[in-house]
């Protein structure tokens, strides 16, 4: 005899996939012993700290907030010791992050809520490089103007085929 059974499954945790920009990286979740990356784990709902490490690189710590049934991808960004990129970010599930939702085909995308930069060489600040670009462009323009030949013997009667009504910028 056949019996039909209907089941309703409730997710108890979130699928968290952790990747790193450097091969050989390790990570620790909520202070547990380190494991090699990449990694996929089901984590209970709530706040979790993920710390990525590799010898010779600054550690990267991500704080995530998980919800049952949600997939979260965490990217560990390890920078060589001495660089000045951000090293700490807080990530939470986003409700309406349309770019990531459309890539995955469902909700539960993540978004960066807070970032804290460390180091201060200033070389990665766009406004410094924009200022440098303006100074360089101004120098090039000045050099071009300075090296243009002068119009020797400017004669308004030859330019206008007779007397000109007005002359702008003429000697």
C-alpha atoms as a PDB file:
ATOM      1  CA  UNK A   1       0.000   0.000   0.000  1.00  0.00           C
ATOM      2  CA  UNK A   2       1.309   3.464  -0.940  1.00  0.00           C
ATOM      3  CA  UNK A   3       1.163   6.274   1.569  1.00  0.00           C
ATOM      4  CA  UNK A   4       1.644   9.893   0.522  1.00  0.00           C
ATOM      5  CA  UNK A   5       3.577  12.046   2.975  1.00  0.00           C
ATOM      6  CA  UNK A   6       3.907  15.807   2.800  1.00  0.00           C
ATOM      7  CA  UNK A   7       6.873  17.462   4.493  1.00  0.00           C
ATOM      8  CA  UNK A   8       7.649  21.102   5.134  1.00  0.00           C
ATOM      9  CA  UNK A   9      11.325  21.847   5.645  1.00  0.00           C
ATOM     10  CA  UNK A  10      12.477  24.801   7.705  1.00  0.00           C
ATOM     11  CA  UNK A  11      16.015  26.087   7.264  1.00  0.00           C
ATOM     12  CA  UNK A  12      17.866  26.233  10.556  1.00  0.00           C
ATOM     13  CA  UNK A  13      20.873  28.146   9.346  1.00  0.00           C
ATOM     14  CA  UNK A  14      22.481  30.112   6.542  1.00  0.00           C
ATOM     15  CA  UNK A  15      24.849  28.732   3.943  1.00  0.00           C
ATOM     16  CA  UNK A  16      28.015  30.829   4.214  1.00  0.00           C
ATOM     17  CA  UNK A  17      30.627  30.524   1.476  1.00  0.00           C
ATOM     18  CA  UNK A  18      34.008  32.066   2.272  1.00  0.00           C
ATOM     19  CA  UNK A  19      36.582  32.854  -0.417  1.00  0.00           C
ATOM     20  CA  UNK A  20      39.909  34.680  -0.320  1.00  0.00           C
ATOM     21  CA  UNK A  21      41.816  36.733  -2.868  1.00  0.00           C
ATOM     22  CA  UNK A  22      45.029  34.876  -1.939  1.00  0.00           C
ATOM     23  CA  UNK A  23      45.697  31.147  -2.265  1.00  0.00           C
ATOM     24  CA  UNK A  24      46.655  29.325   0.932  1.00  0.00           C
ATOM     25  CA  UNK A  25      44.561  31.598   3.131  1.00  0.00           C
ATOM     26  CA  UNK A  26      42.973  30.326   6.336  1.00  0.00           C
ATOM     27  CA  UNK A  27      39.949  31.489   8.286  1.00  0.00           C
ATOM     28  CA  UNK A  28      38.477  31.234  11.731  1.00  0.00           C
ATOM     29  CA  UNK A  29      34.738  31.511  12.374  1.00  0.00           C
ATOM     30  CA  UNK A  30      33.735  32.902  15.777  1.00  0.00           C
ATOM     31  CA  UNK A  31      37.188  32.122  17.223  1.00  0.00           C
ATOM     32  CA  UNK A  32      37.184  28.418  16.246  1.00  0.00           C
ATOM     33  CA  UNK A  33      40.413  26.811  14.960  1.00  0.00           C
ATOM     34  CA  UNK A  34      41.484  27.958  11.497  1.00  0.00           C
ATOM     35  CA  UNK A  35      40.519  26.017   8.370  1.00  0.00           C
ATOM     36  CA  UNK A  36      41.682  26.367   4.759  1.00  0.00           C
ATOM     37  CA  UNK A  37      39.797  28.505   2.249  1.00  0.00           C
ATOM     38  CA  UNK A  38      37.630  28.310   0.169  1.00  0.00           C
ATOM     39  CA  UNK A  39      35.007  27.002   2.575  1.00  0.00           C
ATOM     40  CA  UNK A  40      31.232  26.464   2.740  1.00  0.00           C
ATOM     41  CA  UNK A  41      29.522  26.121   6.132  1.00  0.00           C
ATOM     42  CA  UNK A  42      25.997  26.256   7.508  1.00  0.00           C
ATOM     43  CA  UNK A  43      25.950  28.755  10.367  1.00  0.00           C
ATOM     44  CA  UNK A  44      23.127  29.326  12.836  1.00  0.00           C
ATOM     45  CA  UNK A  45      21.210  32.608  12.597  1.00  0.00           C
ATOM     46  CA  UNK A  46      22.906  35.576  14.212  1.00  0.00           C
ATOM     47  CA  UNK A  47      26.120  37.562  14.248  1.00  0.00           C
ATOM     48  CA  UNK A  48      29.372  35.849  13.258  1.00  0.00           C
ATOM     49  CA  UNK A  49      32.983  37.021  13.060  1.00  0.00           C
ATOM     50  CA  UNK A  50      35.062  35.622  10.214  1.00  0.00           C
ATOM     51  CA  UNK A  51      38.803  36.269  10.356  1.00  0.00           C
ATOM     52  CA  UNK A  52      40.967  35.503   7.324  1.00  0.00           C
ATOM     53  CA  UNK A  53      44.735  35.149   7.692  1.00  0.00           C
ATOM     54  CA  UNK A  54      47.869  34.274   5.755  1.00  0.00           C
ATOM     55  CA  UNK A  55      51.548  34.654   6.674  1.00  0.00           C
ATOM     56  CA  UNK A  56      52.900  38.007   5.422  1.00  0.00           C
ATOM     57  CA  UNK A  57      49.420  39.521   4.974  1.00  0.00           C
ATOM     58  CA  UNK A  58      47.224  41.721   7.155  1.00  0.00           C
ATOM     59  CA  UNK A  59      44.309  39.739   8.612  1.00  0.00           C
ATOM     60  CA  UNK A  60      40.843  40.598   7.307  1.00  0.00           C
ATOM     61  CA  UNK A  61      37.899  40.464   9.704  1.00  0.00           C
ATOM     62  CA  UNK A  62      34.313  40.395   8.465  1.00  0.00           C
ATOM     63  CA  UNK A  63      31.270  40.604  10.713  1.00  0.00           C
ATOM     64  CA  UNK A  64      28.151  39.046   9.169  1.00  0.00           C
ATOM     65  CA  UNK A  65      24.555  38.715  10.290  1.00  0.00           C
ATOM     66  CA  UNK A  66      22.921  35.497   9.031  1.00  0.00           C
ATOM     67  CA  UNK A  67      19.286  34.515   8.642  1.00  0.00           C
ATOM     68  CA  UNK A  68      17.886  31.000   8.147  1.00  0.00           C
ATOM     69  CA  UNK A  69      17.714  29.874   4.531  1.00  0.00           C
ATOM     70  CA  UNK A  70      19.948  32.646   3.197  1.00  0.00           C
ATOM     71  CA  UNK A  71      23.113  32.135   1.146  1.00  0.00           C
ATOM     72  CA  UNK A  72      25.953  34.533   1.953  1.00  0.00           C
ATOM     73  CA  UNK A  73      29.276  34.797   0.139  1.00  0.00           C
ATOM     74  CA  UNK A  74      32.070  36.421   2.129  1.00  0.00           C
ATOM     75  CA  UNK A  75      35.176  37.643   0.329  1.00  0.00           C
ATOM     76  CA  UNK A  76      38.321  37.773   2.444  1.00  0.00           C
ATOM     77  CA  UNK A  77      40.639  40.486   1.098  1.00  0.00           C
ATOM     78  CA  UNK A  78      44.191  39.914   2.299  1.00  0.00           C
ATOM     79  CA  UNK A  79      46.630  42.744   1.665  1.00  0.00           C
ATOM     80  CA  UNK A  80      50.401  42.519   1.899  1.00  0.00           C
ATOM     81  CA  UNK A  81      51.622  44.011   5.157  1.00  0.00           C
ATOM     82  CA  UNK A  82      52.339  47.701   4.502  1.00  0.00           C
ATOM     83  CA  UNK A  83      49.452  48.457   2.107  1.00  0.00           C
ATOM     84  CA  UNK A  84      46.712  50.904   3.117  1.00  0.00           C
ATOM     85  CA  UNK A  85      43.425  49.315   1.983  1.00  0.00           C
ATOM     86  CA  UNK A  86      40.502  48.808   4.397  1.00  0.00           C
ATOM     87  CA  UNK A  87      40.958  45.779   6.650  1.00  0.00           C
ATOM     88  CA  UNK A  88      37.618  45.551   8.464  1.00  0.00           C
ATOM     89  CA  UNK A  89      34.068  45.587   7.117  1.00  0.00           C
ATOM     90  CA  UNK A  90      30.673  44.737   8.501  1.00  0.00           C
ATOM     91  CA  UNK A  91      28.395  42.766   6.183  1.00  0.00           C
ATOM     92  CA  UNK A  92      24.693  42.164   6.683  1.00  0.00           C
ATOM     93  CA  UNK A  93      22.071  40.471   4.504  1.00  0.00           C
ATOM     94  CA  UNK A  94      20.338  42.951   2.224  1.00  0.00           C
ATOM     95  CA  UNK A  95      16.627  42.844   1.543  1.00  0.00           C
ATOM     96  CA  UNK A  96      16.578  44.555  -1.838  1.00  0.00           C
ATOM     97  CA  UNK A  97      20.084  44.460  -3.287  1.00  0.00           C
ATOM     98  CA  UNK A  98      18.883  44.015  -6.863  1.00  0.00           C
ATOM     99  CA  UNK A  99      22.296  43.512  -8.520  1.00  0.00           C
ATOM    100  CA  UNK A 100      23.208  40.552  -6.336  1.00  0.00           C
ATOM    101  CA  UNK A 101      19.629  39.226  -6.209  1.00  0.00           C
ATOM    102  CA  UNK A 102      19.470  39.017  -9.989  1.00  0.00           C
ATOM    103  CA  UNK A 103      22.839  37.244 -10.152  1.00  0.00           C
ATOM    104  CA  UNK A 104      21.767  34.584  -7.678  1.00  0.00           C
ATOM    105  CA  UNK A 105      18.113  34.480  -8.706  1.00  0.00           C
ATOM    106  CA  UNK A 106      16.804  35.036  -5.165  1.00  0.00           C
ATOM    107  CA  UNK A 107      16.962  37.339  -2.162  1.00  0.00           C
ATOM    108  CA  UNK A 108      19.473  37.284   0.631  1.00  0.00           C
ATOM    109  CA  UNK A 109      22.208  39.318  -0.969  1.00  0.00           C
ATOM    110  CA  UNK A 110      24.826  40.957   1.221  1.00  0.00           C
ATOM    111  CA  UNK A 111      25.886  44.556   1.487  1.00  0.00           C
ATOM    112  CA  UNK A 112      28.763  46.333   3.196  1.00  0.00           C
ATOM    113  CA  UNK A 113      27.420  48.466   6.004  1.00  0.00           C
ATOM    114  CA  UNK A 114      30.574  49.831   7.602  1.00  0.00           C
ATOM    115  CA  UNK A 115      34.248  49.918   6.630  1.00  0.00           C
ATOM    116  CA  UNK A 116      37.227  51.110   8.637  1.00  0.00           C
ATOM    117  CA  UNK A 117      40.450  52.016   6.829  1.00  0.00           C
ATOM    118  CA  UNK A 118      43.879  51.538   8.336  1.00  0.00           C
ATOM    119  CA  UNK A 119      47.209  53.000   7.285  1.00  0.00           C
ATOM    120  CA  UNK A 120      47.543  56.424   5.732  1.00  0.00           C
ATOM    121  CA  UNK A 121      50.062  56.714   2.940  1.00  0.00           C
ATOM    122  CA  UNK A 122      47.396  58.650   1.008  1.00  0.00           C
ATOM    123  CA  UNK A 123      48.253  57.002  -2.296  1.00  0.00           C
ATOM    124  CA  UNK A 124      44.876  55.301  -2.635  1.00  0.00           C
ATOM    125  CA  UNK A 125      42.753  58.430  -2.127  1.00  0.00           C
ATOM    126  CA  UNK A 126      41.159  59.387  -5.454  1.00  0.00           C
ATOM    127  CA  UNK A 127      41.076  63.100  -4.678  1.00  0.00           C
ATOM    128  CA  UNK A 128      44.847  63.246  -4.303  1.00  0.00           C
ATOM    129  CA  UNK A 129      45.322  61.629  -7.695  1.00  0.00           C
ATOM    130  CA  UNK A 130      42.655  63.930  -9.180  1.00  0.00           C
ATOM    131  CA  UNK A 131      44.630  66.943  -7.912  1.00  0.00           C
ATOM    132  CA  UNK A 132      47.857  65.545  -9.346  1.00  0.00           C
ATOM    133  CA  UNK A 133      46.083  65.043 -12.686  1.00  0.00           C
ATOM    134  CA  UNK A 134      44.838  68.653 -12.721  1.00  0.00           C
ATOM    135  CA  UNK A 135      48.341  69.977 -12.012  1.00  0.00           C
ATOM    136  CA  UNK A 136      49.871  67.809 -14.750  1.00  0.00           C
ATOM    137  CA  UNK A 137      47.165  68.795 -17.272  1.00  0.00           C
ATOM    138  CA  UNK A 138      47.691  72.481 -16.428  1.00  0.00           C
ATOM    139  CA  UNK A 139      51.441  72.117 -16.928  1.00  0.00           C
ATOM    140  CA  UNK A 140      50.960  70.451 -20.318  1.00  0.00           C
ATOM    141  CA  UNK A 141      48.525  73.178 -21.419  1.00  0.00           C
ATOM    142  CA  UNK A 142      50.927  75.932 -20.301  1.00  0.00           C
ATOM    143  CA  UNK A 143      53.811  74.268 -22.160  1.00  0.00           C
ATOM    144  CA  UNK A 144      51.741  74.043 -25.351  1.00  0.00           C
ATOM    145  CA  UNK A 145      50.753  77.715 -25.178  1.00  0.00           C
ATOM    146  CA  UNK A 146      54.328  78.786 -24.422  1.00  0.00           C
ATOM    147  CA  UNK A 147      55.774  76.852 -27.351  1.00  0.00           C
ATOM    148  CA  UNK A 148      53.278  78.066 -29.989  1.00  0.00           C
ATOM    149  CA  UNK A 149      54.763  80.448 -32.550  1.00  0.00           C
ATOM    150  CA  UNK A 150      53.773  84.109 -32.220  1.00  0.00           C
ATOM    151  CA  UNK A 151      51.810  85.649 -35.066  1.00  0.00           C
ATOM    152  CA  UNK A 152      54.399  88.133 -36.221  1.00  0.00           C
ATOM    153  CA  UNK A 153      53.163  91.127 -38.128  1.00  0.00           C
ATOM    154  CA  UNK A 154      49.445  90.776 -37.342  1.00  0.00           C
ATOM    155  CA  UNK A 155      47.625  93.142 -39.686  1.00  0.00           C
ATOM    156  CA  UNK A 156      43.876  93.560 -39.061  1.00  0.00           C
ATOM    157  CA  UNK A 157      43.321  94.795 -42.606  1.00  0.00           C
ATOM    158  CA  UNK A 158      44.577  91.517 -44.109  1.00  0.00           C
ATOM    159  CA  UNK A 159      42.566  89.334 -41.720  1.00  0.00           C
ATOM    160  CA  UNK A 160      39.253  91.117 -42.310  1.00  0.00           C
ATOM    161  CA  UNK A 161      39.923  92.220 -45.920  1.00  0.00           C
ATOM    162  CA  UNK A 162      39.739  95.782 -44.740  1.00  0.00           C
ATOM    163  CA  UNK A 163      39.254  97.389 -41.331  1.00  0.00           C
ATOM    164  CA  UNK A 164      37.873  95.006 -38.694  1.00  0.00           C
ATOM    165  CA  UNK A 165      34.833  95.922 -36.575  1.00  0.00           C
ATOM    166  CA  UNK A 166      36.602  94.672 -33.466  1.00  0.00           C
ATOM    167  CA  UNK A 167      39.707  92.709 -32.569  1.00  0.00           C
ATOM    168  CA  UNK A 168      39.795  90.327 -29.599  1.00  0.00           C
ATOM    169  CA  UNK A 169      43.145  89.406 -28.158  1.00  0.00           C
ATOM    170  CA  UNK A 170      45.164  91.107 -30.895  1.00  0.00           C
ATOM    171  CA  UNK A 171      48.385  92.953 -30.049  1.00  0.00           C
END
